[in-house]
Protein backbone atom coordinates (compact mmCIF):
# COMPACT_ATOMS: atom_id res chain seq x y z
CA MET A 1 0.00 0.00 0.00
CA LYS A 2 1.20 3.50 -0.79
CA ASN A 3 0.72 6.62 1.28
CA THR A 4 -2.36 8.49 0.03
CA ILE A 5 -4.22 11.71 0.77
CA ARG A 6 -7.97 12.14 0.37
CA ILE A 7 -9.74 15.51 0.69
CA THR A 8 -13.25 15.32 2.16
CA LYS A 9 -16.30 17.40 1.25
CA GLN A 10 -16.58 18.57 4.86
CA GLY A 11 -13.29 20.45 4.89
CA GLY A 12 -10.98 17.72 6.04
CA MET A 13 -8.27 15.45 4.81
CA GLN A 14 -7.42 11.83 5.41
CA TYR A 15 -3.85 10.63 5.17
CA THR A 16 -3.46 6.86 4.86
CA PHE A 17 -0.03 5.46 5.68
CA ASP A 18 1.74 2.45 4.20
CA ASN A 19 0.74 0.55 7.36
CA GLY A 20 -2.96 0.94 6.43
CA TYR A 21 -3.84 3.33 9.28
CA THR A 22 -5.52 6.64 8.46
CA LEU A 23 -5.14 9.97 10.21
CA SER A 24 -8.24 12.09 9.64
CA ILE A 25 -7.96 15.84 10.20
CA GLY A 26 -11.00 18.06 9.97
CA CYS A 27 -11.81 21.70 10.36
CA GLY A 28 -14.85 23.79 9.67
CA ILE A 29 -18.54 23.67 10.52
CA ALA A 30 -18.78 19.88 10.80
CA HIS A 31 -15.78 19.47 13.12
CA TYR A 32 -14.60 20.28 16.64
CA SER A 33 -12.21 22.95 15.42
CA SER A 34 -11.31 26.60 15.87
CA ASN A 35 -13.42 27.63 12.89
CA GLN A 36 -16.45 25.41 13.52
CA ASP A 37 -18.73 28.46 13.75
CA LYS A 38 -17.49 30.03 10.52
CA ASP A 39 -19.30 29.78 7.20
CA ASP A 40 -16.03 29.11 5.38
CA ALA A 41 -14.88 25.56 6.17
CA PHE A 42 -11.77 26.17 4.08
CA GLY A 43 -10.50 29.17 6.03
CA GLU A 44 -7.53 29.21 8.39
CA CYS A 45 -7.74 26.79 11.29
CA THR A 46 -5.43 26.65 14.32
CA GLU A 47 -7.21 23.79 16.11
CA VAL A 48 -8.59 20.71 14.37
CA GLU A 49 -10.60 17.55 14.95
CA VAL A 50 -8.59 14.33 14.71
CA ALA A 51 -9.45 10.65 14.36
CA VAL A 52 -7.33 7.58 13.65
CA ARG A 53 -8.76 4.53 11.89
CA ASN A 54 -7.24 1.12 11.38
CA PRO A 55 -7.22 -0.74 8.03
CA ALA A 56 -10.65 -2.27 8.80
CA GLY A 57 -12.19 1.15 9.57
CA GLY A 58 -12.28 0.83 13.36
CA PHE A 59 -11.28 3.79 15.50
CA VAL A 60 -7.94 3.66 17.29
CA ALA A 61 -6.21 5.30 20.26
CA LEU A 62 -8.66 8.00 21.31
CA GLU A 63 -11.06 7.59 24.20
CA PHE A 64 -14.00 9.12 22.33
CA ASP A 65 -13.00 8.03 18.80
CA VAL A 66 -12.31 11.66 17.83
CA ALA A 67 -10.42 14.43 19.60
CA GLY A 68 -11.46 18.03 19.14
CA TRP A 69 -9.54 21.26 19.29
CA VAL A 70 -6.15 19.59 18.75
CA LYS A 71 -3.45 22.20 18.09
CA ALA A 72 -2.48 22.26 14.41
CA SER A 73 1.15 22.57 15.53
CA VAL A 74 1.16 18.92 16.71
CA ILE A 75 0.09 17.48 13.33
CA PRO A 76 3.66 16.59 12.18
CA SER A 77 4.30 14.72 15.46
CA LEU A 78 0.88 13.10 15.21
CA MET A 79 1.66 11.85 11.71
CA ARG A 80 4.89 10.24 12.92
CA ALA A 81 3.07 8.63 15.86
CA VAL A 82 0.36 7.12 13.62
CA GLU A 83 2.95 5.92 11.12
CA ASN A 84 4.80 4.18 14.00
CA LYS A 85 1.56 2.95 15.63
CA ASP A 86 2.53 4.71 18.86
CA TRP A 87 -1.02 4.96 20.21
CA GLU A 88 -0.02 6.32 23.59
CA HIS A 89 1.77 9.23 21.93
CA VAL A 90 -1.24 9.80 19.65
CA ALA A 91 -3.58 10.00 22.65
CA LEU A 92 -1.32 12.37 24.58
CA LEU A 93 -0.78 14.64 21.56
CA CYS A 94 -4.56 14.84 21.19
CA GLY A 95 -4.99 16.05 24.75
CA GLN A 96 -5.89 12.90 26.65
CA ASP A 97 -4.56 12.95 30.20
CA GLU A 98 -3.48 9.32 30.01
CA TYR A 99 -3.51 6.27 27.81
CA ASP A 100 -4.52 3.02 29.50
CA HIS A 101 -3.27 0.00 27.54
CA GLY A 102 -5.81 -2.15 29.40
CA LYS A 103 -8.67 -0.12 27.97
CA ASN A 104 -7.27 0.09 24.47
CA ARG A 105 -6.67 -3.48 23.42
CA ARG A 106 -8.61 -2.84 20.21
CA ASP A 107 -5.64 -0.71 19.15
CA LEU A 108 -3.59 -3.90 18.78
CA ASP A 109 -6.14 -5.48 16.40
CA ALA A 110 -5.92 -4.01 12.90
CA SER A 111 -9.09 -5.92 11.91
CA SER A 112 -11.24 -4.36 14.66
CA THR A 113 -14.29 -2.38 13.55
CA HIS A 114 -15.05 -1.43 17.16
CA SER A 115 -15.67 2.17 18.19
CA GLN A 116 -16.54 3.87 21.47
CA PRO A 117 -17.99 7.29 20.68
CA CYS A 118 -19.13 7.85 24.27
CA GLY A 119 -15.91 6.82 26.01
CA TYR A 120 -14.73 3.54 27.44
CA TYR A 121 -17.20 1.12 29.00
CA ASP A 122 -16.09 -2.39 30.00
CA ASP A 123 -19.42 -3.96 29.03
CA GLU A 124 -19.12 -2.56 25.46
CA ASP A 125 -15.55 -3.73 24.95
CA PRO A 126 -15.41 -6.99 22.98
CA TYR A 127 -11.73 -7.30 23.99
CA ALA A 128 -12.36 -7.13 27.76
């Protein structure tokens, strides 16, 4: 697989790495970003919404599947962390206070389609 970039209609971009993981970065009215209240989704944005998906489409690393208001300045470091599958670093760069390996076992399964949009709950974790 080659590295690819896809631009979305909602003012975002998705960068897929050779390892099959995708870093999604969004800004504008449909995202938790510094210009979410602006009419122009393509204007300047200093804080973005971020998500990471595995090759099967499951969400990875972040407690609520997406992280909002992530500083644009951390994007280069975030790209390196996703490329290296360093999920703890991804979570910390996105503003999580901690990364609990025990609650993120889905991150080790590239075929997982699991997501947790409301946070981590033991009874909803097929890996628990």
